[in-house]
Amino acid sequence: MAITVNPATYAAWKSRYFTTAQQANPAISGPTANPSGDGMPNLLKYAFGLVPGAPDFTHGPAVSLQNFSGSNYLHFSYRQQPFAMDLIYTVQVSDYLITWNVGPSYTVFVSQSDNGDGTDQVIVRDLTATSNRPRRFTRVVVALTQP
């Protein structure tokens, strides 16, 4: 049996995956750096429980269409570090990618389940039925509360 214990801070995660020299270089180990070249910066790799130097196109956020009470809604799922003490995850919705809305008037928490790898899968539902909007977008914003 293997037990994965994930770091509880970005600093601990960084020290786990980067050498001392790399940790001193924010272009390699900083939150906005992308050493794997896959378009996902280190902050998101940390937030989603991924390895920074390895490209990963399968564990990012995903959107699905689900029927709820006879109407279709966007369901947004993403991986989350359940024990991260320095992260804030915010799911936002928008009609035209200009104004992003957040909070209980726009989205509702659906579920959170253990992935078995030290991360949780979180699902949030948009409160606007797809039939009521010509287009709809979702995203998760991840903020680091302490560098």
N, C-alpha and C. Protein backbone atom coordinates (compact mmCIF):
# COMPACT_ATOMS: atom_id res chain seq x y z
N MET A 1 0.83 -1.17 0.00
CA MET A 1 0.00 0.00 0.00
C MET A 1 0.89 1.25 0.00
N ALA A 2 0.57 2.19 -0.87
CA ALA A 2 1.33 3.43 -0.96
C ALA A 2 0.46 4.58 -0.47
N ILE A 3 1.05 5.45 0.32
CA ILE A 3 0.35 6.64 0.81
C ILE A 3 1.10 7.84 0.29
N THR A 4 0.38 8.73 -0.37
CA THR A 4 0.98 9.95 -0.89
C THR A 4 0.65 11.10 0.05
N VAL A 5 1.66 11.79 0.53
CA VAL A 5 1.45 12.95 1.38
C VAL A 5 1.91 14.16 0.59
N ASN A 6 1.00 15.05 0.29
CA ASN A 6 1.32 16.23 -0.49
C ASN A 6 1.75 17.37 0.42
N PRO A 7 2.68 18.19 -0.04
CA PRO A 7 3.10 19.35 0.75
C PRO A 7 1.93 20.27 1.03
N ALA A 8 1.98 20.95 2.15
CA ALA A 8 0.88 21.82 2.55
C ALA A 8 1.11 23.28 2.16
N THR A 9 2.27 23.59 1.57
CA THR A 9 2.55 24.95 1.11
C THR A 9 3.29 24.90 -0.22
N TYR A 10 3.24 26.02 -0.93
CA TYR A 10 3.98 26.10 -2.20
C TYR A 10 5.48 25.93 -1.95
N ALA A 11 5.97 26.53 -0.86
CA ALA A 11 7.40 26.43 -0.55
C ALA A 11 7.82 24.97 -0.34
N ALA A 12 7.00 24.19 0.35
CA ALA A 12 7.32 22.77 0.57
C ALA A 12 7.26 22.00 -0.75
N TRP A 13 6.25 22.30 -1.57
CA TRP A 13 6.11 21.66 -2.89
C TRP A 13 7.33 21.97 -3.76
N LYS A 14 7.73 23.25 -3.75
CA LYS A 14 8.89 23.68 -4.54
C LYS A 14 10.15 22.96 -4.10
N SER A 15 10.35 22.82 -2.80
CA SER A 15 11.56 22.14 -2.32
C SER A 15 11.53 20.64 -2.62
N ARG A 16 10.34 20.09 -2.79
CA ARG A 16 10.22 18.67 -3.14
C ARG A 16 10.61 18.40 -4.60
N TYR A 17 10.27 19.32 -5.50
CA TYR A 17 10.45 19.08 -6.93
C TYR A 17 11.64 19.78 -7.59
N PHE A 18 12.23 20.77 -6.91
CA PHE A 18 13.31 21.55 -7.53
C PHE A 18 14.59 21.46 -6.70
N THR A 19 15.72 21.50 -7.39
CA THR A 19 17.01 21.52 -6.71
C THR A 19 17.18 22.87 -6.02
N THR A 20 18.19 22.96 -5.17
CA THR A 20 18.47 24.23 -4.48
C THR A 20 18.74 25.34 -5.49
N ALA A 21 19.51 25.05 -6.52
CA ALA A 21 19.80 26.06 -7.55
C ALA A 21 18.53 26.47 -8.29
N GLN A 22 17.68 25.51 -8.62
CA GLN A 22 16.43 25.82 -9.32
C GLN A 22 15.48 26.63 -8.43
N GLN A 23 15.48 26.33 -7.13
CA GLN A 23 14.62 27.08 -6.21
C GLN A 23 15.02 28.55 -6.13
N ALA A 24 16.29 28.83 -6.36
CA ALA A 24 16.79 30.21 -6.32
C ALA A 24 16.46 30.97 -7.59
N ASN A 25 15.98 30.29 -8.63
CA ASN A 25 15.69 30.91 -9.92
C ASN A 25 14.18 30.93 -10.15
N PRO A 26 13.52 32.09 -9.97
CA PRO A 26 12.07 32.16 -10.15
C PRO A 26 11.61 31.86 -11.58
N ALA A 27 12.53 31.97 -12.55
CA ALA A 27 12.16 31.63 -13.93
C ALA A 27 11.97 30.12 -14.10
N ILE A 28 12.46 29.35 -13.14
CA ILE A 28 12.30 27.89 -13.17
C ILE A 28 11.28 27.43 -12.13
N SER A 29 11.40 27.94 -10.90
CA SER A 29 10.56 27.43 -9.82
C SER A 29 9.52 28.41 -9.29
N GLY A 30 9.46 29.60 -9.87
CA GLY A 30 8.47 30.58 -9.43
C GLY A 30 7.05 30.17 -9.81
N PRO A 31 6.06 30.76 -9.17
CA PRO A 31 4.66 30.40 -9.43
C PRO A 31 4.21 30.56 -10.88
N THR A 32 4.79 31.52 -11.59
CA THR A 32 4.37 31.74 -12.98
C THR A 32 5.26 31.02 -13.99
N ALA A 33 6.33 30.38 -13.53
CA ALA A 33 7.23 29.66 -14.44
C ALA A 33 6.55 28.41 -14.98
N ASN A 34 7.00 28.00 -16.17
CA ASN A 34 6.43 26.82 -16.83
C ASN A 34 7.57 25.95 -17.36
N PRO A 35 8.29 25.25 -16.46
CA PRO A 35 9.46 24.49 -16.89
C PRO A 35 9.15 23.32 -17.83
N SER A 36 7.94 22.81 -17.82
CA SER A 36 7.60 21.69 -18.71
C SER A 36 7.20 22.16 -20.10
N GLY A 37 6.90 23.47 -20.24
CA GLY A 37 6.50 24.02 -21.54
C GLY A 37 5.11 23.61 -21.99
N ASP A 38 4.27 23.14 -21.08
CA ASP A 38 2.93 22.68 -21.47
C ASP A 38 1.85 23.75 -21.31
N GLY A 39 2.25 24.98 -20.95
CA GLY A 39 1.28 26.06 -20.82
C GLY A 39 0.65 26.15 -19.44
N MET A 40 1.01 25.26 -18.53
CA MET A 40 0.45 25.28 -17.18
C MET A 40 1.56 25.69 -16.20
N PRO A 41 1.45 26.89 -15.62
CA PRO A 41 2.50 27.37 -14.73
C PRO A 41 2.58 26.55 -13.43
N ASN A 42 3.70 26.70 -12.75
CA ASN A 42 3.94 25.96 -11.51
C ASN A 42 2.82 26.10 -10.49
N LEU A 43 2.25 27.30 -10.36
CA LEU A 43 1.18 27.49 -9.38
C LEU A 43 0.02 26.54 -9.64
N LEU A 44 -0.36 26.38 -10.92
CA LEU A 44 -1.45 25.46 -11.24
C LEU A 44 -1.03 24.01 -11.07
N LYS A 45 0.23 23.69 -11.38
CA LYS A 45 0.71 22.33 -11.15
C LYS A 45 0.61 21.99 -9.67
N TYR A 46 1.01 22.92 -8.82
CA TYR A 46 0.91 22.73 -7.37
C TYR A 46 -0.57 22.60 -6.96
N ALA A 47 -1.40 23.51 -7.43
CA ALA A 47 -2.81 23.53 -7.03
C ALA A 47 -3.56 22.28 -7.45
N PHE A 48 -3.20 21.71 -8.61
CA PHE A 48 -3.90 20.53 -9.13
C PHE A 48 -3.18 19.22 -8.80
N GLY A 49 -2.10 19.29 -8.00
CA GLY A 49 -1.39 18.09 -7.57
C GLY A 49 -0.58 17.43 -8.67
N LEU A 50 0.04 18.23 -9.53
CA LEU A 50 0.79 17.71 -10.66
C LEU A 50 2.30 17.92 -10.48
N VAL A 51 3.09 17.26 -11.31
CA VAL A 51 4.55 17.36 -11.26
C VAL A 51 4.98 18.51 -12.18
N PRO A 52 5.82 19.44 -11.70
CA PRO A 52 6.14 20.64 -12.49
C PRO A 52 6.91 20.40 -13.77
N GLY A 53 7.83 19.47 -13.79
CA GLY A 53 8.67 19.28 -14.98
C GLY A 53 8.07 18.37 -16.03
N ALA A 54 6.90 17.79 -15.77
CA ALA A 54 6.29 16.84 -16.69
C ALA A 54 5.05 17.43 -17.34
N PRO A 55 5.00 17.46 -18.66
CA PRO A 55 3.77 17.94 -19.31
C PRO A 55 2.60 17.05 -18.93
N ASP A 56 1.46 17.67 -18.67
CA ASP A 56 0.26 16.91 -18.29
C ASP A 56 -0.95 17.57 -18.91
N PHE A 57 -1.53 16.91 -19.88
CA PHE A 57 -2.70 17.45 -20.57
C PHE A 57 -3.98 16.73 -20.18
N THR A 58 -3.91 15.84 -19.17
CA THR A 58 -5.07 15.03 -18.82
C THR A 58 -5.70 15.39 -17.48
N HIS A 59 -5.01 16.13 -16.62
CA HIS A 59 -5.52 16.38 -15.28
C HIS A 59 -5.90 17.84 -15.03
N GLY A 60 -6.11 18.60 -16.07
CA GLY A 60 -6.55 19.97 -15.90
C GLY A 60 -8.04 20.05 -15.66
N PRO A 61 -8.56 21.23 -15.43
CA PRO A 61 -10.00 21.40 -15.24
C PRO A 61 -10.78 20.92 -16.47
N ALA A 62 -12.02 20.52 -16.24
CA ALA A 62 -12.87 20.02 -17.32
C ALA A 62 -14.30 20.53 -17.14
N VAL A 63 -14.99 20.68 -18.25
CA VAL A 63 -16.38 21.13 -18.23
C VAL A 63 -17.24 20.06 -18.87
N SER A 64 -18.40 19.82 -18.27
CA SER A 64 -19.37 18.89 -18.85
C SER A 64 -20.75 19.51 -18.76
N LEU A 65 -21.64 19.01 -19.56
CA LEU A 65 -23.03 19.46 -19.56
C LEU A 65 -23.86 18.41 -18.83
N GLN A 66 -24.58 18.82 -17.78
CA GLN A 66 -25.37 17.90 -16.97
C GLN A 66 -26.80 18.40 -16.87
N ASN A 67 -27.73 17.46 -16.88
CA ASN A 67 -29.14 17.80 -16.73
C ASN A 67 -29.47 17.83 -15.24
N PHE A 68 -30.11 18.90 -14.83
CA PHE A 68 -30.55 19.06 -13.45
C PHE A 68 -31.95 19.64 -13.46
N SER A 69 -32.90 18.92 -12.95
CA SER A 69 -34.31 19.35 -12.89
C SER A 69 -34.85 19.74 -14.27
N GLY A 70 -34.44 18.99 -15.30
CA GLY A 70 -34.98 19.20 -16.64
C GLY A 70 -34.26 20.24 -17.48
N SER A 71 -33.22 20.85 -16.95
CA SER A 71 -32.45 21.84 -17.72
C SER A 71 -30.98 21.45 -17.70
N ASN A 72 -30.25 21.86 -18.74
CA ASN A 72 -28.82 21.59 -18.83
C ASN A 72 -28.00 22.72 -18.20
N TYR A 73 -26.98 22.32 -17.46
CA TYR A 73 -26.09 23.27 -16.79
C TYR A 73 -24.64 22.83 -17.01
N LEU A 74 -23.75 23.81 -17.01
CA LEU A 74 -22.33 23.49 -17.06
C LEU A 74 -21.89 23.02 -15.68
N HIS A 75 -21.19 21.89 -15.65
CA HIS A 75 -20.55 21.39 -14.45
C HIS A 75 -19.04 21.52 -14.67
N PHE A 76 -18.38 22.14 -13.73
CA PHE A 76 -16.95 22.40 -13.84
C PHE A 76 -16.24 21.57 -12.79
N SER A 77 -15.27 20.74 -13.23
CA SER A 77 -14.53 19.91 -12.27
C SER A 77 -13.05 20.22 -12.36
N TYR A 78 -12.40 20.13 -11.21
CA TYR A 78 -10.96 20.37 -11.14
C TYR A 78 -10.39 19.62 -9.94
N ARG A 79 -9.09 19.33 -10.04
CA ARG A 79 -8.37 18.70 -8.93
C ARG A 79 -7.96 19.79 -7.94
N GLN A 80 -7.95 19.41 -6.67
CA GLN A 80 -7.62 20.38 -5.63
C GLN A 80 -6.72 19.73 -4.58
N GLN A 81 -5.79 20.50 -4.07
CA GLN A 81 -4.94 20.05 -2.95
C GLN A 81 -5.75 20.29 -1.67
N PRO A 82 -6.33 19.27 -1.06
CA PRO A 82 -7.20 19.50 0.09
C PRO A 82 -6.50 20.03 1.33
N PHE A 83 -5.18 19.81 1.44
CA PHE A 83 -4.47 20.25 2.64
C PHE A 83 -3.57 21.45 2.40
N ALA A 84 -3.68 22.07 1.23
CA ALA A 84 -2.86 23.25 0.93
C ALA A 84 -3.33 24.41 1.81
N MET A 85 -2.40 24.95 2.56
CA MET A 85 -2.73 26.03 3.48
C MET A 85 -2.61 27.40 2.84
N ASP A 86 -2.12 27.47 1.61
CA ASP A 86 -1.82 28.76 1.01
C ASP A 86 -2.51 28.98 -0.34
N LEU A 87 -3.58 28.23 -0.61
CA LEU A 87 -4.28 28.36 -1.89
C LEU A 87 -5.74 28.75 -1.70
N ILE A 88 -6.22 29.56 -2.63
CA ILE A 88 -7.65 29.89 -2.70
C ILE A 88 -8.10 29.55 -4.12
N TYR A 89 -9.12 28.71 -4.23
CA TYR A 89 -9.70 28.31 -5.51
C TYR A 89 -11.02 29.05 -5.66
N THR A 90 -11.21 29.71 -6.80
CA THR A 90 -12.45 30.43 -7.06
C THR A 90 -12.96 30.07 -8.44
N VAL A 91 -14.16 29.49 -8.51
CA VAL A 91 -14.77 29.17 -9.81
C VAL A 91 -15.58 30.38 -10.24
N GLN A 92 -15.37 30.79 -11.49
CA GLN A 92 -16.04 31.97 -12.04
C GLN A 92 -16.79 31.59 -13.32
N VAL A 93 -17.85 32.33 -13.62
CA VAL A 93 -18.62 32.11 -14.85
C VAL A 93 -18.77 33.44 -15.59
N SER A 94 -18.95 33.33 -16.91
CA SER A 94 -19.06 34.53 -17.73
C SER A 94 -19.88 34.23 -18.98
N ASP A 95 -20.51 35.26 -19.52
CA ASP A 95 -21.22 35.13 -20.79
C ASP A 95 -20.32 35.46 -21.98
N TYR A 96 -19.39 36.41 -21.80
CA TYR A 96 -18.60 36.88 -22.93
C TYR A 96 -17.12 37.07 -22.64
N LEU A 97 -16.61 36.43 -21.60
CA LEU A 97 -15.19 36.47 -21.25
C LEU A 97 -14.69 37.87 -20.87
N ILE A 98 -15.60 38.78 -20.59
CA ILE A 98 -15.20 40.13 -20.20
C ILE A 98 -15.42 40.31 -18.69
N THR A 99 -16.65 40.12 -18.26
CA THR A 99 -16.99 40.20 -16.85
C THR A 99 -17.13 38.78 -16.31
N TRP A 100 -16.41 38.49 -15.23
CA TRP A 100 -16.45 37.17 -14.60
C TRP A 100 -17.20 37.29 -13.29
N ASN A 101 -18.15 36.41 -13.08
CA ASN A 101 -18.99 36.43 -11.88
C ASN A 101 -18.62 35.28 -10.95
N VAL A 102 -18.70 35.54 -9.66
CA VAL A 102 -18.32 34.55 -8.66
C VAL A 102 -19.28 34.63 -7.48
N GLY A 103 -19.47 33.52 -6.82
CA GLY A 103 -20.26 33.51 -5.59
C GLY A 103 -21.53 32.70 -5.70
N PRO A 104 -22.26 32.61 -4.60
CA PRO A 104 -23.44 31.75 -4.53
C PRO A 104 -24.61 32.18 -5.41
N SER A 105 -24.57 33.36 -5.97
CA SER A 105 -25.61 33.76 -6.93
C SER A 105 -25.34 33.21 -8.32
N TYR A 106 -24.12 32.69 -8.53
CA TYR A 106 -23.71 32.26 -9.87
C TYR A 106 -23.35 30.78 -9.96
N THR A 107 -22.78 30.22 -8.89
CA THR A 107 -22.36 28.83 -8.90
C THR A 107 -22.76 28.15 -7.60
N VAL A 108 -22.82 26.82 -7.65
CA VAL A 108 -23.12 26.05 -6.44
C VAL A 108 -22.16 24.86 -6.38
N PHE A 109 -21.67 24.59 -5.19
CA PHE A 109 -20.82 23.44 -4.95
C PHE A 109 -21.67 22.19 -5.11
N VAL A 110 -21.15 21.20 -5.87
CA VAL A 110 -21.86 19.94 -6.08
C VAL A 110 -21.25 18.82 -5.24
N SER A 111 -19.94 18.63 -5.37
CA SER A 111 -19.30 17.54 -4.62
C SER A 111 -17.80 17.70 -4.54
N GLN A 112 -17.22 16.96 -3.61
CA GLN A 112 -15.77 16.87 -3.47
C GLN A 112 -15.47 15.43 -3.07
N SER A 113 -14.59 14.77 -3.85
CA SER A 113 -14.28 13.37 -3.58
C SER A 113 -12.77 13.13 -3.69
N ASP A 114 -12.31 12.16 -2.94
CA ASP A 114 -10.89 11.81 -2.88
C ASP A 114 -10.49 11.08 -4.17
N ASN A 115 -9.45 11.56 -4.84
CA ASN A 115 -8.93 10.90 -6.04
C ASN A 115 -8.02 9.72 -5.72
N GLY A 116 -7.65 9.57 -4.46
CA GLY A 116 -6.77 8.48 -4.08
C GLY A 116 -5.30 8.75 -4.31
N ASP A 117 -4.96 9.98 -4.72
CA ASP A 117 -3.56 10.32 -4.99
C ASP A 117 -3.12 11.56 -4.22
N GLY A 118 -3.85 11.91 -3.18
CA GLY A 118 -3.52 13.10 -2.40
C GLY A 118 -4.27 14.34 -2.86
N THR A 119 -5.07 14.22 -3.92
CA THR A 119 -5.88 15.34 -4.39
C THR A 119 -7.36 14.96 -4.29
N ASP A 120 -8.19 15.98 -4.33
CA ASP A 120 -9.64 15.79 -4.37
C ASP A 120 -10.16 16.28 -5.71
N GLN A 121 -11.26 15.70 -6.16
CA GLN A 121 -11.95 16.17 -7.35
C GLN A 121 -13.13 17.02 -6.87
N VAL A 122 -13.18 18.26 -7.31
CA VAL A 122 -14.24 19.18 -6.92
C VAL A 122 -15.12 19.44 -8.13
N ILE A 123 -16.43 19.44 -7.92
CA ILE A 123 -17.38 19.75 -8.99
C ILE A 123 -18.26 20.90 -8.55
N VAL A 124 -18.36 21.90 -9.42
CA VAL A 124 -19.18 23.09 -9.18
C VAL A 124 -20.12 23.25 -10.37
N ARG A 125 -21.38 23.61 -10.09
CA ARG A 125 -22.36 23.78 -11.17
C ARG A 125 -22.69 25.25 -11.36
N ASP A 126 -22.74 25.66 -12.61
CA ASP A 126 -23.21 27.00 -12.97
C ASP A 126 -24.71 27.06 -12.66
N LEU A 127 -25.19 28.16 -12.12
CA LEU A 127 -26.61 28.28 -11.78
C LEU A 127 -27.46 28.80 -12.94
N THR A 128 -26.83 29.12 -14.05
CA THR A 128 -27.57 29.59 -15.22
C THR A 128 -27.70 28.44 -16.21
N ALA A 129 -28.93 28.08 -16.54
CA ALA A 129 -29.16 27.00 -17.51
C ALA A 129 -28.62 27.43 -18.87
N THR A 130 -28.09 26.47 -19.60
CA THR A 130 -27.52 26.80 -20.91
C THR A 130 -28.59 27.31 -21.88
N SER A 131 -29.84 26.96 -21.67
CA SER A 131 -30.92 27.44 -22.53
C SER A 131 -31.19 28.93 -22.33
N ASN A 132 -30.72 29.51 -21.22
CA ASN A 132 -30.94 30.92 -20.92
C ASN A 132 -29.83 31.85 -21.39
N ARG A 133 -28.75 31.29 -21.91
CA ARG A 133 -27.63 32.11 -22.37
C ARG A 133 -27.13 31.57 -23.70
N PRO A 134 -26.80 32.44 -24.65
CA PRO A 134 -26.30 31.97 -25.95
C PRO A 134 -24.92 31.33 -25.85
N ARG A 135 -24.14 31.73 -24.87
CA ARG A 135 -22.83 31.13 -24.62
C ARG A 135 -22.51 31.30 -23.14
N ARG A 136 -21.68 30.39 -22.64
CA ARG A 136 -21.34 30.42 -21.22
C ARG A 136 -19.94 29.84 -21.05
N PHE A 137 -19.16 30.45 -20.17
CA PHE A 137 -17.78 30.05 -19.93
C PHE A 137 -17.54 29.87 -18.43
N THR A 138 -16.65 28.97 -18.08
CA THR A 138 -16.26 28.79 -16.68
C THR A 138 -14.74 28.72 -16.59
N ARG A 139 -14.23 29.06 -15.43
CA ARG A 139 -12.80 28.95 -15.16
C ARG A 139 -12.59 28.85 -13.66
N VAL A 140 -11.45 28.32 -13.27
CA VAL A 140 -11.06 28.35 -11.86
C VAL A 140 -9.84 29.24 -11.75
N VAL A 141 -9.91 30.18 -10.82
CA VAL A 141 -8.78 31.07 -10.54
C VAL A 141 -8.14 30.57 -9.26
N VAL A 142 -6.84 30.36 -9.32
CA VAL A 142 -6.10 29.88 -8.16
C VAL A 142 -5.18 31.00 -7.69
N ALA A 143 -5.28 31.34 -6.42
CA ALA A 143 -4.43 32.40 -5.86
C ALA A 143 -3.59 31.83 -4.74
N LEU A 144 -2.35 32.27 -4.71
CA LEU A 144 -1.42 31.90 -3.66
C LEU A 144 -1.49 32.96 -2.58
N THR A 145 -1.86 32.57 -1.37
CA THR A 145 -2.06 33.57 -0.31
C THR A 145 -0.77 34.02 0.35
N GLN A 146 0.30 33.20 0.18
CA GLN A 146 1.60 33.57 0.73
C GLN A 146 2.69 33.01 -0.19
N PRO A 147 3.62 33.86 -0.60
CA PRO A 147 4.66 33.38 -1.53
C PRO A 147 5.61 32.37 -0.93
